[in-house]
Structure formats: C-alpha cells, structure tokens
Amino acid sequence: MRGLNKVTLIGNLGKDPELQQLEMNICVARFALATTEVFKDAKGQKTTLTEWHTVVVWRSLAELAAKYLHKGSLVYVEGKLKTRKYDDREGKTHYTTEVVADQLIMLDKKNMENAGG
C-alpha cells in the first residue's frame, strides 16, 4: 500500500516571508503560519490553542509569497511534511519538520485585489 503525505492548513502569517535566492536564480521563501483552534475545556471555558508551522515555498510561489504576503495575512496552504536534519555550530544534531507547500491561496480580500484576483 502506498503512503500519503498531505497537509492542508488555513492560518495567519506570524511575520513577513523571508525570501532567498539560491544558485541558478531559484527562489525559496519561508514563513511561520499560525493555526488556531477554539474549543470549550472540561469546565466549559472557551480555550484557544495556537499551533505554529514553518512553511516553505519554492520558485514562482516563493516570489508571489514575498511580494503579496505579510505578517497577519490569511492564507490557505497545501503541501507535504518534510523533516530535515542539521548540525549546529557545537555539532549537536537537530531535526526540523516543515510544510513544503505546492499550493498557496491568499484569502485576504485586500491581497486578492492587489494580485489581480
């Protein structure tokens, strides 16, 4: 049986996207995306739980994100989870899991007008 690695998120950016240009003019952008759940706890009190996700977009999607998205933007993101391993300056190994997005839809009305949509 094949596996499935698919993530769908709707949330707000925690800060402006960070755009990098790599070799051969390939662009990559990263941004923090907050998703928030609101529910009632065992005592009936309204509780808010926010989860933070690191989203990575490539090429033209990265350029679009850098141009039109900013802190607070509401977006729909679809992609897959990817875990990377890296060593810090002290040689300690770390792992980070990111959402590598292949679909991005701007849900802010203002941004949609600016993008011609």
C-alpha atoms as a PDB file:
ATOM      1  CA  MET A   1       0.000   0.000   0.000  1.00  0.00           C
ATOM      2  CA  ARG A   2       1.255   3.480  -0.829  1.00  0.00           C
ATOM      3  CA  GLY A   3       1.548   6.187   1.787  1.00  0.00           C
ATOM      4  CA  LEU A   4       0.089   9.663   1.726  1.00  0.00           C
ATOM      5  CA  ASN A   5       1.878  12.796   2.882  1.00  0.00           C
ATOM      6  CA  LYS A   6      -0.558  15.693   2.537  1.00  0.00           C
ATOM      7  CA  VAL A   7      -1.083  18.773   4.694  1.00  0.00           C
ATOM      8  CA  THR A   8      -3.832  21.390   4.382  1.00  0.00           C
ATOM      9  CA  LEU A   9      -3.709  24.492   6.576  1.00  0.00           C
ATOM     10  CA  ILE A  10      -5.551  27.801   6.851  1.00  0.00           C
ATOM     11  CA  GLY A  11      -3.900  30.354   9.093  1.00  0.00           C
ATOM     12  CA  ASN A  12      -2.211  33.703   9.555  1.00  0.00           C
ATOM     13  CA  LEU A  13       1.421  34.576   8.947  1.00  0.00           C
ATOM     14  CA  GLY A  14       3.390  35.332  12.093  1.00  0.00           C
ATOM     15  CA  LYS A  15       5.862  37.534  10.214  1.00  0.00           C
ATOM     16  CA  ASP A  16       6.714  38.577   6.676  1.00  0.00           C
ATOM     17  CA  PRO A  17       8.084  35.812   4.408  1.00  0.00           C
ATOM     18  CA  GLU A  18      11.868  35.542   4.180  1.00  0.00           C
ATOM     19  CA  LEU A  19      12.962  35.227   0.542  1.00  0.00           C
ATOM     20  CA  GLN A  20      16.299  33.728  -0.508  1.00  0.00           C
ATOM     21  CA  GLN A  21      17.737  33.413  -3.982  1.00  0.00           C
ATOM     22  CA  LEU A  22      19.778  30.244  -4.474  1.00  0.00           C
ATOM     23  CA  GLU A  23      22.015  29.057  -7.291  1.00  0.00           C
ATOM     24  CA  MET A  24      20.642  29.356 -10.815  1.00  0.00           C
ATOM     25  CA  ASN A  25      18.170  32.055  -9.646  1.00  0.00           C
ATOM     26  CA  ILE A  26      15.944  29.580  -7.769  1.00  0.00           C
ATOM     27  CA  CYS A  27      13.901  31.350  -5.093  1.00  0.00           C
ATOM     28  CA  VAL A  28      12.760  29.894  -1.786  1.00  0.00           C
ATOM     29  CA  ALA A  29      10.646  31.629   0.845  1.00  0.00           C
ATOM     30  CA  ARG A  30       9.894  30.616   4.432  1.00  0.00           C
ATOM     31  CA  PHE A  31       7.245  31.894   6.778  1.00  0.00           C
ATOM     32  CA  ALA A  32       5.658  30.981  10.096  1.00  0.00           C
ATOM     33  CA  LEU A  33       1.962  30.147   9.893  1.00  0.00           C
ATOM     34  CA  ALA A  34      -0.327  30.093  12.938  1.00  0.00           C
ATOM     35  CA  THR A  35      -3.397  27.880  13.017  1.00  0.00           C
ATOM     36  CA  THR A  36      -5.810  28.451  15.883  1.00  0.00           C
ATOM     37  CA  GLU A  37      -8.440  26.172  17.394  1.00  0.00           C
ATOM     38  CA  VAL A  38     -11.131  27.426  19.734  1.00  0.00           C
ATOM     39  CA  PHE A  39     -12.941  24.932  21.965  1.00  0.00           C
ATOM     40  CA  LYS A  40     -14.527  24.572  25.394  1.00  0.00           C
ATOM     41  CA  ASP A  41     -12.451  22.859  28.056  1.00  0.00           C
ATOM     42  CA  ALA A  42     -13.769  20.425  30.685  1.00  0.00           C
ATOM     43  CA  LYS A  43     -15.043  23.361  32.779  1.00  0.00           C
ATOM     44  CA  GLY A  44     -16.906  24.873  29.827  1.00  0.00           C
ATOM     45  CA  GLN A  45     -14.408  27.727  29.441  1.00  0.00           C
ATOM     46  CA  LYS A  46     -13.537  28.921  25.946  1.00  0.00           C
ATOM     47  CA  THR A  47      -9.947  27.882  25.220  1.00  0.00           C
ATOM     48  CA  THR A  48      -7.728  28.930  22.337  1.00  0.00           C
ATOM     49  CA  LEU A  49      -4.881  26.740  21.124  1.00  0.00           C
ATOM     50  CA  THR A  50      -2.440  28.081  18.535  1.00  0.00           C
ATOM     51  CA  GLU A  51      -0.057  25.818  16.645  1.00  0.00           C
ATOM     52  CA  TRP A  52       2.897  27.250  14.663  1.00  0.00           C
ATOM     53  CA  HIS A  53       4.074  25.742  11.378  1.00  0.00           C
ATOM     54  CA  THR A  54       7.091  26.579   9.226  1.00  0.00           C
ATOM     55  CA  VAL A  55       6.018  26.778   5.580  1.00  0.00           C
ATOM     56  CA  VAL A  56       8.473  26.619   2.671  1.00  0.00           C
ATOM     57  CA  VAL A  57       7.560  27.610  -0.896  1.00  0.00           C
ATOM     58  CA  TRP A  58       9.748  27.425  -3.990  1.00  0.00           C
ATOM     59  CA  ARG A  59      10.289  29.267  -7.268  1.00  0.00           C
ATOM     60  CA  SER A  60       7.395  31.419  -8.551  1.00  0.00           C
ATOM     61  CA  LEU A  61       5.301  30.598  -5.465  1.00  0.00           C
ATOM     62  CA  ALA A  62       8.140  31.959  -3.312  1.00  0.00           C
ATOM     63  CA  GLU A  63       8.237  35.172  -5.342  1.00  0.00           C
ATOM     64  CA  LEU A  64       4.450  35.531  -5.055  1.00  0.00           C
ATOM     65  CA  ALA A  65       4.586  34.996  -1.281  1.00  0.00           C
ATOM     66  CA  ALA A  66       7.364  37.559  -0.842  1.00  0.00           C
ATOM     67  CA  LYS A  67       5.518  40.120  -2.976  1.00  0.00           C
ATOM     68  CA  TYR A  68       1.985  39.835  -1.589  1.00  0.00           C
ATOM     69  CA  LEU A  69       2.103  38.221   1.865  1.00  0.00           C
ATOM     70  CA  HIS A  70       2.923  39.974   5.110  1.00  0.00           C
ATOM     71  CA  LYS A  71       2.556  39.465   8.831  1.00  0.00           C
ATOM     72  CA  GLY A  72      -1.107  38.743   9.585  1.00  0.00           C
ATOM     73  CA  SER A  73      -2.045  37.607   6.047  1.00  0.00           C
ATOM     74  CA  LEU A  74      -4.662  34.855   5.953  1.00  0.00           C
ATOM     75  CA  VAL A  75      -3.662  32.003   3.611  1.00  0.00           C
ATOM     76  CA  TYR A  76      -4.632  28.515   2.546  1.00  0.00           C
ATOM     77  CA  VAL A  77      -1.615  26.229   2.180  1.00  0.00           C
ATOM     78  CA  GLU A  78      -1.472  22.720   0.759  1.00  0.00           C
ATOM     79  CA  GLY A  79       1.629  20.566   0.582  1.00  0.00           C
ATOM     80  CA  LYS A  80       3.573  17.846   2.364  1.00  0.00           C
ATOM     81  CA  LEU A  81       5.602  17.430   5.542  1.00  0.00           C
ATOM     82  CA  LYS A  82       9.369  17.266   5.190  1.00  0.00           C
ATOM     83  CA  THR A  83      11.812  16.665   8.056  1.00  0.00           C
ATOM     84  CA  ARG A  84      15.366  17.955   7.743  1.00  0.00           C
ATOM     85  CA  LYS A  85      18.387  17.092   9.851  1.00  0.00           C
ATOM     86  CA  TYR A  86      21.162  19.591  10.537  1.00  0.00           C
ATOM     87  CA  ASP A  87      24.085  20.087  12.919  1.00  0.00           C
ATOM     88  CA  ASP A  88      24.560  23.315  14.862  1.00  0.00           C
ATOM     89  CA  ARG A  89      27.898  25.058  15.489  1.00  0.00           C
ATOM     90  CA  GLU A  90      28.577  22.853  18.510  1.00  0.00           C
ATOM     91  CA  GLY A  91      27.998  19.738  16.410  1.00  0.00           C
ATOM     92  CA  LYS A  92      24.666  18.873  18.024  1.00  0.00           C
ATOM     93  CA  THR A  93      22.154  17.273  15.641  1.00  0.00           C
ATOM     94  CA  HIS A  94      18.729  18.874  15.271  1.00  0.00           C
ATOM     95  CA  TYR A  95      15.616  17.921  13.325  1.00  0.00           C
ATOM     96  CA  THR A  96      13.004  20.306  11.984  1.00  0.00           C
ATOM     97  CA  THR A  97       9.726  19.499  10.276  1.00  0.00           C
ATOM     98  CA  GLU A  98       8.403  21.921   7.668  1.00  0.00           C
ATOM     99  CA  VAL A  99       5.410  22.126   5.362  1.00  0.00           C
ATOM    100  CA  VAL A 100       6.655  22.240   1.772  1.00  0.00           C
ATOM    101  CA  ALA A 101       3.735  23.912   0.023  1.00  0.00           C
ATOM    102  CA  ASP A 102       2.806  23.402  -3.606  1.00  0.00           C
ATOM    103  CA  GLN A 103      -0.490  25.326  -3.367  1.00  0.00           C
ATOM    104  CA  LEU A 104      -0.978  28.744  -1.790  1.00  0.00           C
ATOM    105  CA  ILE A 105      -4.166  30.772  -1.891  1.00  0.00           C
ATOM    106  CA  MET A 106      -4.339  34.266  -0.448  1.00  0.00           C
ATOM    107  CA  LEU A 107      -7.576  34.627   1.492  1.00  0.00           C
ATOM    108  CA  ASP A 108      -7.270  38.307   2.433  1.00  0.00           C
ATOM    109  CA  LYS A 109      -9.605  40.322   0.203  1.00  0.00           C
ATOM    110  CA  LYS A 110      -7.078  43.174   0.011  1.00  0.00           C
ATOM    111  CA  ASN A 111      -4.276  40.839  -1.166  1.00  0.00           C
ATOM    112  CA  MET A 112      -6.521  39.232  -3.767  1.00  0.00           C
ATOM    113  CA  GLU A 113      -7.315  42.640  -5.257  1.00  0.00           C
ATOM    114  CA  ASN A 114      -3.601  43.540  -5.374  1.00  0.00           C
ATOM    115  CA  ALA A 115      -2.798  40.256  -7.138  1.00  0.00           C
ATOM    116  CA  GLY A 116      -5.383  40.950  -9.811  1.00  0.00           C
ATOM    117  CA  GLY A 117      -7.825  38.346  -8.494  1.00  0.00           C
END
